[in-house]
Amino acid sequence: MLEGIEGRVKEIRESEVVVQVGGLFFKLNCTPNTIGKLAREKEFYFLTFMAYSQDRPPELYGFIDNEEKELFNILLKASKIGPKSAMKILSSASPSRIKRIISSKNVAELSSLPGIGKKTAERMIVEIASLIDTSEIESGDEVPAVQRSHGEEAMVALTSLGFDENLARKVVVKILKENKEIDTQELLKKALKEIRK
């Protein structure tokens, strides 16, 4: 089984990358979280998953973060969730947020993610909620629902700049609690200033 590949990133596309390993070129399906951390002509190590299907060639999925890869594997344990569905879920929110939604058994919020209806959300919670490791999720680091859209945008921007996701979440939540009317651009500016103190 292919556990991972290390090579030079040759192309970066919307949802996939091309990685050169020696004389071979691999196409990897990736999430925005992974793609945001890559740079062309730089070497990276990808944790991989290979999906097989009777009617199409094998597909490779690549992850930079172990947390994202582990969550991908957990999502696959849910009935009727295949690799493409799991990637769609991972592309819609940060791993921390997805783990928090599932572990808190929040059917309404889980069913608001792309490709997940209410019945699927209920089934996923029954089947995989107990598999989520909540030890690193802090309850005080949840972005308030009314501010979640630009809060998540700011966190994605910060992590794409290389900042730790947990640190970015703490700073964003702190700023949102102090200023509920702040817009995304100003939120990002304040967060960068706070992190660089």
C-alpha atoms as a PDB file:
ATOM      1  CA  MET A   1       0.000   0.000   0.000  1.00  0.00           C
ATOM      2  CA  LEU A   2       1.278   3.479  -0.902  1.00  0.00           C
ATOM      3  CA  GLU A   3       1.655   5.428   2.382  1.00  0.00           C
ATOM      4  CA  GLY A   4       3.055   8.613   0.911  1.00  0.00           C
ATOM      5  CA  ILE A   5       5.175  10.256  -1.765  1.00  0.00           C
ATOM      6  CA  GLU A   6       7.863  12.922  -1.617  1.00  0.00           C
ATOM      7  CA  GLY A   7       8.564  14.997  -4.661  1.00  0.00           C
ATOM      8  CA  ARG A   8       8.641  18.356  -6.427  1.00  0.00           C
ATOM      9  CA  VAL A   9       5.354  20.168  -7.051  1.00  0.00           C
ATOM     10  CA  LYS A  10       5.188  20.910 -10.786  1.00  0.00           C
ATOM     11  CA  GLU A  11       1.609  22.160 -11.162  1.00  0.00           C
ATOM     12  CA  ILE A  12      -0.979  23.541  -8.760  1.00  0.00           C
ATOM     13  CA  ARG A  13      -4.599  23.460  -9.933  1.00  0.00           C
ATOM     14  CA  GLU A  14      -7.920  24.255  -8.256  1.00  0.00           C
ATOM     15  CA  SER A  15      -8.341  20.889  -6.541  1.00  0.00           C
ATOM     16  CA  GLU A  16      -5.287  18.872  -7.579  1.00  0.00           C
ATOM     17  CA  VAL A  17      -1.534  19.056  -7.928  1.00  0.00           C
ATOM     18  CA  VAL A  18       1.052  17.322 -10.102  1.00  0.00           C
ATOM     19  CA  VAL A  19       4.096  16.014  -8.228  1.00  0.00           C
ATOM     20  CA  GLN A  20       7.309  14.813  -9.870  1.00  0.00           C
ATOM     21  CA  VAL A  21       9.058  11.878  -8.223  1.00  0.00           C
ATOM     22  CA  GLY A  22      12.127  11.032 -10.273  1.00  0.00           C
ATOM     23  CA  GLY A  23      10.884  10.450 -13.815  1.00  0.00           C
ATOM     24  CA  LEU A  24       7.275   9.865 -12.717  1.00  0.00           C
ATOM     25  CA  PHE A  25       4.497  12.462 -12.448  1.00  0.00           C
ATOM     26  CA  PHE A  26       1.645  11.843 -10.001  1.00  0.00           C
ATOM     27  CA  LYS A  27      -1.685  13.692  -9.980  1.00  0.00           C
ATOM     28  CA  LEU A  28      -2.998  14.125  -6.420  1.00  0.00           C
ATOM     29  CA  ASN A  29      -6.471  15.276  -5.452  1.00  0.00           C
ATOM     30  CA  CYS A  30      -6.065  17.795  -2.616  1.00  0.00           C
ATOM     31  CA  THR A  31      -8.127  20.061  -0.357  1.00  0.00           C
ATOM     32  CA  PRO A  32      -7.787  23.879  -0.337  1.00  0.00           C
ATOM     33  CA  ASN A  33      -6.071  23.504   3.052  1.00  0.00           C
ATOM     34  CA  THR A  34      -3.286  21.432   1.474  1.00  0.00           C
ATOM     35  CA  ILE A  35      -3.062  23.426  -1.761  1.00  0.00           C
ATOM     36  CA  GLY A  36      -2.746  26.665   0.217  1.00  0.00           C
ATOM     37  CA  LYS A  37       0.470  25.395   1.819  1.00  0.00           C
ATOM     38  CA  LEU A  38       2.202  24.410  -1.425  1.00  0.00           C
ATOM     39  CA  ALA A  39       4.533  26.240  -3.790  1.00  0.00           C
ATOM     40  CA  ARG A  40       5.604  25.288  -7.302  1.00  0.00           C
ATOM     41  CA  GLU A  41       9.071  23.785  -7.761  1.00  0.00           C
ATOM     42  CA  LYS A  42       9.357  23.080  -4.025  1.00  0.00           C
ATOM     43  CA  GLU A  43       9.612  19.599  -2.489  1.00  0.00           C
ATOM     44  CA  PHE A  44       6.894  18.310  -0.179  1.00  0.00           C
ATOM     45  CA  TYR A  45       5.941  15.056   1.483  1.00  0.00           C
ATOM     46  CA  PHE A  46       2.328  13.963   0.946  1.00  0.00           C
ATOM     47  CA  LEU A  47       0.416  11.396   2.969  1.00  0.00           C
ATOM     48  CA  THR A  48      -1.581   9.501   0.378  1.00  0.00           C
ATOM     49  CA  PHE A  49      -4.689   7.420  -0.124  1.00  0.00           C
ATOM     50  CA  MET A  50      -5.327   5.442  -3.305  1.00  0.00           C
ATOM     51  CA  ALA A  51      -8.933   4.827  -4.372  1.00  0.00           C
ATOM     52  CA  TYR A  52      -9.802   1.958  -6.692  1.00  0.00           C
ATOM     53  CA  SER A  53     -12.909   1.655  -8.848  1.00  0.00           C
ATOM     54  CA  GLN A  54     -14.007  -0.938 -11.386  1.00  0.00           C
ATOM     55  CA  ASP A  55     -15.039   1.594 -14.015  1.00  0.00           C
ATOM     56  CA  ARG A  56     -12.224   4.167 -13.771  1.00  0.00           C
ATOM     57  CA  PRO A  57      -8.438   4.337 -13.194  1.00  0.00           C
ATOM     58  CA  PRO A  58      -7.099   4.502  -9.606  1.00  0.00           C
ATOM     59  CA  GLU A  59      -7.081   7.973  -8.046  1.00  0.00           C
ATOM     60  CA  LEU A  60      -4.549   9.374  -5.579  1.00  0.00           C
ATOM     61  CA  TYR A  61      -5.453  11.726  -2.741  1.00  0.00           C
ATOM     62  CA  GLY A  62      -2.718  13.733  -1.034  1.00  0.00           C
ATOM     63  CA  PHE A  63      -2.510  15.481   2.336  1.00  0.00           C
ATOM     64  CA  ILE A  64       0.148  17.646   3.965  1.00  0.00           C
ATOM     65  CA  ASP A  65      -1.323  17.479   7.466  1.00  0.00           C
ATOM     66  CA  ASN A  66      -1.644  14.270   9.446  1.00  0.00           C
ATOM     67  CA  GLU A  67      -4.783  15.664  11.150  1.00  0.00           C
ATOM     68  CA  GLU A  68      -6.521  16.082   7.789  1.00  0.00           C
ATOM     69  CA  LYS A  69      -5.492  12.611   6.598  1.00  0.00           C
ATOM     70  CA  GLU A  70      -6.730  11.000   9.827  1.00  0.00           C
ATOM     71  CA  LEU A  71     -10.068  12.812   9.552  1.00  0.00           C
ATOM     72  CA  PHE A  72     -10.339  11.695   5.902  1.00  0.00           C
ATOM     73  CA  ASN A  73      -9.891   8.072   7.044  1.00  0.00           C
ATOM     74  CA  ILE A  74     -12.552   8.511   9.734  1.00  0.00           C
ATOM     75  CA  LEU A  75     -15.030  10.005   7.257  1.00  0.00           C
ATOM     76  CA  LEU A  76     -14.563   6.971   5.004  1.00  0.00           C
ATOM     77  CA  LYS A  77     -15.813   4.749   7.838  1.00  0.00           C
ATOM     78  CA  ALA A  78     -19.257   6.346   7.534  1.00  0.00           C
ATOM     79  CA  SER A  79     -21.744   4.525   5.296  1.00  0.00           C
ATOM     80  CA  LYS A  80     -22.069   5.905   1.766  1.00  0.00           C
ATOM     81  CA  ILE A  81     -19.156   8.345   2.208  1.00  0.00           C
ATOM     82  CA  GLY A  82     -16.535   7.683  -0.442  1.00  0.00           C
ATOM     83  CA  PRO A  83     -13.245   9.495  -1.125  1.00  0.00           C
ATOM     84  CA  LYS A  84     -14.852  12.215  -3.278  1.00  0.00           C
ATOM     85  CA  SER A  85     -17.533  12.936  -0.676  1.00  0.00           C
ATOM     86  CA  ALA A  86     -14.930  12.990   2.094  1.00  0.00           C
ATOM     87  CA  MET A  87     -12.812  15.471   0.121  1.00  0.00           C
ATOM     88  CA  LYS A  88     -15.857  17.678  -0.480  1.00  0.00           C
ATOM     89  CA  ILE A  89     -16.500  17.763   3.271  1.00  0.00           C
ATOM     90  CA  LEU A  90     -12.838  18.497   4.070  1.00  0.00           C
ATOM     91  CA  SER A  91     -12.815  21.274   1.467  1.00  0.00           C
ATOM     92  CA  SER A  92     -15.773  23.026   3.112  1.00  0.00           C
ATOM     93  CA  ALA A  93     -14.266  23.708   6.557  1.00  0.00           C
ATOM     94  CA  SER A  94     -11.152  23.240   8.666  1.00  0.00           C
ATOM     95  CA  PRO A  95     -10.493  19.795  10.190  1.00  0.00           C
ATOM     96  CA  SER A  96     -10.952  21.285  13.673  1.00  0.00           C
ATOM     97  CA  ARG A  97     -14.378  22.654  12.821  1.00  0.00           C
ATOM     98  CA  ILE A  98     -15.519  19.391  11.206  1.00  0.00           C
ATOM     99  CA  LYS A  99     -14.349  17.383  14.213  1.00  0.00           C
ATOM    100  CA  ARG A 100     -16.111  19.781  16.553  1.00  0.00           C
ATOM    101  CA  ILE A 101     -19.392  19.540  14.595  1.00  0.00           C
ATOM    102  CA  ILE A 102     -19.348  15.730  14.535  1.00  0.00           C
ATOM    103  CA  SER A 103     -18.194  15.207  18.122  1.00  0.00           C
ATOM    104  CA  SER A 104     -20.834  17.644  19.431  1.00  0.00           C
ATOM    105  CA  LYS A 105     -23.459  15.752  17.374  1.00  0.00           C
ATOM    106  CA  ASN A 106     -24.639  18.942  15.700  1.00  0.00           C
ATOM    107  CA  VAL A 107     -26.899  17.521  12.963  1.00  0.00           C
ATOM    108  CA  ALA A 108     -28.055  20.932  11.725  1.00  0.00           C
ATOM    109  CA  GLU A 109     -24.553  22.272  11.172  1.00  0.00           C
ATOM    110  CA  LEU A 110     -23.211  19.026   9.725  1.00  0.00           C
ATOM    111  CA  SER A 111     -26.092  18.852   7.229  1.00  0.00           C
ATOM    112  CA  SER A 112     -25.250  22.409   6.108  1.00  0.00           C
ATOM    113  CA  LEU A 113     -21.927  21.187   4.679  1.00  0.00           C
ATOM    114  CA  PRO A 114     -21.836  20.397   0.925  1.00  0.00           C
ATOM    115  CA  GLY A 115     -23.214  17.000  -0.062  1.00  0.00           C
ATOM    116  CA  ILE A 116     -24.595  16.125   3.373  1.00  0.00           C
ATOM    117  CA  GLY A 117     -28.346  15.903   3.945  1.00  0.00           C
ATOM    118  CA  LYS A 118     -30.042  15.511   7.315  1.00  0.00           C
ATOM    119  CA  LYS A 119     -30.269  11.701   7.118  1.00  0.00           C
ATOM    120  CA  THR A 120     -26.611  11.395   6.103  1.00  0.00           C
ATOM    121  CA  ALA A 121     -25.591  13.738   8.927  1.00  0.00           C
ATOM    122  CA  GLU A 122     -27.544  11.699  11.488  1.00  0.00           C
ATOM    123  CA  ARG A 123     -26.001   8.452  10.218  1.00  0.00           C
ATOM    124  CA  MET A 124     -22.479   9.900  10.258  1.00  0.00           C
ATOM    125  CA  ILE A 125     -22.852  11.052  13.858  1.00  0.00           C
ATOM    126  CA  VAL A 126     -24.045   7.614  14.958  1.00  0.00           C
ATOM    127  CA  GLU A 127     -21.263   5.823  13.081  1.00  0.00           C
ATOM    128  CA  ILE A 128     -18.174   8.003  13.603  1.00  0.00           C
ATOM    129  CA  ALA A 129     -18.711  10.563  16.407  1.00  0.00           C
ATOM    130  CA  SER A 130     -17.017   8.216  18.898  1.00  0.00           C
ATOM    131  CA  LEU A 131     -13.936   8.002  16.633  1.00  0.00           C
ATOM    132  CA  ILE A 132     -13.202  11.737  16.805  1.00  0.00           C
ATOM    133  CA  ASP A 133     -10.330  12.712  19.108  1.00  0.00           C
ATOM    134  CA  THR A 134     -11.544  15.821  20.942  1.00  0.00           C
ATOM    135  CA  SER A 135      -8.507  16.187  23.213  1.00  0.00           C
ATOM    136  CA  GLU A 136      -7.107  19.102  21.194  1.00  0.00           C
ATOM    137  CA  ILE A 137     -10.435  20.842  20.589  1.00  0.00           C
ATOM    138  CA  GLU A 138     -11.102  23.639  23.044  1.00  0.00           C
ATOM    139  CA  SER A 139     -14.761  24.545  23.534  1.00  0.00           C
ATOM    140  CA  GLY A 140     -13.942  28.228  23.897  1.00  0.00           C
ATOM    141  CA  ASP A 141     -12.408  28.336  20.430  1.00  0.00           C
ATOM    142  CA  GLU A 142     -15.663  28.054  18.498  1.00  0.00           C
ATOM    143  CA  VAL A 143     -16.478  30.906  16.135  1.00  0.00           C
ATOM    144  CA  PRO A 144     -19.981  32.277  16.881  1.00  0.00           C
ATOM    145  CA  ALA A 145     -22.468  31.104  14.230  1.00  0.00           C
ATOM    146  CA  VAL A 146     -23.410  34.582  12.998  1.00  0.00           C
ATOM    147  CA  GLN A 147     -19.720  35.379  12.428  1.00  0.00           C
ATOM    148  CA  ARG A 148     -18.616  31.980  11.173  1.00  0.00           C
ATOM    149  CA  SER A 149     -18.360  32.850   7.465  1.00  0.00           C
ATOM    150  CA  HIS A 150     -15.743  35.610   7.693  1.00  0.00           C
ATOM    151  CA  GLY A 151     -14.200  34.006  10.768  1.00  0.00           C
ATOM    152  CA  GLU A 152     -13.476  30.832   8.797  1.00  0.00           C
ATOM    153  CA  GLU A 153     -12.244  32.929   5.839  1.00  0.00           C
ATOM    154  CA  ALA A 154      -9.751  34.689   8.099  1.00  0.00           C
ATOM    155  CA  MET A 155      -8.572  31.379   9.600  1.00  0.00           C
ATOM    156  CA  VAL A 156      -8.074  29.848   6.149  1.00  0.00           C
ATOM    157  CA  ALA A 157      -6.082  32.926   5.102  1.00  0.00           C
ATOM    158  CA  LEU A 158      -3.909  32.754   8.221  1.00  0.00           C
ATOM    159  CA  THR A 159      -3.192  29.029   7.894  1.00  0.00           C
ATOM    160  CA  SER A 160      -2.371  29.495   4.190  1.00  0.00           C
ATOM    161  CA  LEU A 161       0.257  32.018   5.316  1.00  0.00           C
ATOM    162  CA  GLY A 162       1.814  29.290   7.446  1.00  0.00           C
ATOM    163  CA  PHE A 163       0.391  30.100  10.887  1.00  0.00           C
ATOM    164  CA  ASP A 164      -0.711  27.285  13.194  1.00  0.00           C
ATOM    165  CA  GLU A 165      -4.455  26.595  12.849  1.00  0.00           C
ATOM    166  CA  ASN A 166      -5.141  26.369  16.587  1.00  0.00           C
ATOM    167  CA  LEU A 167      -3.336  29.677  17.198  1.00  0.00           C
ATOM    168  CA  ALA A 168      -5.211  31.314  14.304  1.00  0.00           C
ATOM    169  CA  ARG A 169      -8.539  30.106  15.705  1.00  0.00           C
ATOM    170  CA  LYS A 170      -7.797  31.436  19.204  1.00  0.00           C
ATOM    171  CA  VAL A 171      -6.816  34.865  17.878  1.00  0.00           C
ATOM    172  CA  VAL A 172      -9.808  35.117  15.503  1.00  0.00           C
ATOM    173  CA  VAL A 173     -12.292  34.064  18.197  1.00  0.00           C
ATOM    174  CA  LYS A 174     -10.788  36.590  20.638  1.00  0.00           C
ATOM    175  CA  ILE A 175     -11.121  39.444  18.124  1.00  0.00           C
ATOM    176  CA  LEU A 176     -14.680  38.472  17.158  1.00  0.00           C
ATOM    177  CA  LYS A 177     -15.720  38.428  20.813  1.00  0.00           C
ATOM    178  CA  GLU A 178     -14.360  41.963  21.226  1.00  0.00           C
ATOM    179  CA  ASN A 179     -15.792  43.323  17.970  1.00  0.00           C
ATOM    180  CA  LYS A 180     -18.872  41.560  16.596  1.00  0.00           C
ATOM    181  CA  GLU A 181     -19.310  43.939  13.631  1.00  0.00           C
ATOM    182  CA  ILE A 182     -15.794  43.616  12.195  1.00  0.00           C
ATOM    183  CA  ASP A 183     -15.460  42.703   8.494  1.00  0.00           C
ATOM    184  CA  THR A 184     -13.169  40.002   7.094  1.00  0.00           C
ATOM    185  CA  GLN A 185     -10.417  42.356   5.872  1.00  0.00           C
ATOM    186  CA  GLU A 186     -10.157  44.227   9.164  1.00  0.00           C
ATOM    187  CA  LEU A 187     -10.377  40.942  11.084  1.00  0.00           C
ATOM    188  CA  LEU A 188      -7.427  39.565   9.128  1.00  0.00           C
ATOM    189  CA  LYS A 189      -5.372  42.725   9.726  1.00  0.00           C
ATOM    190  CA  LYS A 190      -5.999  42.626  13.469  1.00  0.00           C
ATOM    191  CA  ALA A 191      -5.284  38.894  13.633  1.00  0.00           C
ATOM    192  CA  LEU A 192      -1.940  39.305  11.850  1.00  0.00           C
ATOM    193  CA  LYS A 193      -0.997  42.142  14.206  1.00  0.00           C
ATOM    194  CA  GLU A 194      -1.981  40.039  17.246  1.00  0.00           C
ATOM    195  CA  ILE A 195      -0.066  36.945  16.110  1.00  0.00           C
ATOM    196  CA  ARG A 196       3.083  38.928  15.325  1.00  0.00           C
ATOM    197  CA  LYS A 197       3.222  40.620  18.770  1.00  0.00           C
END
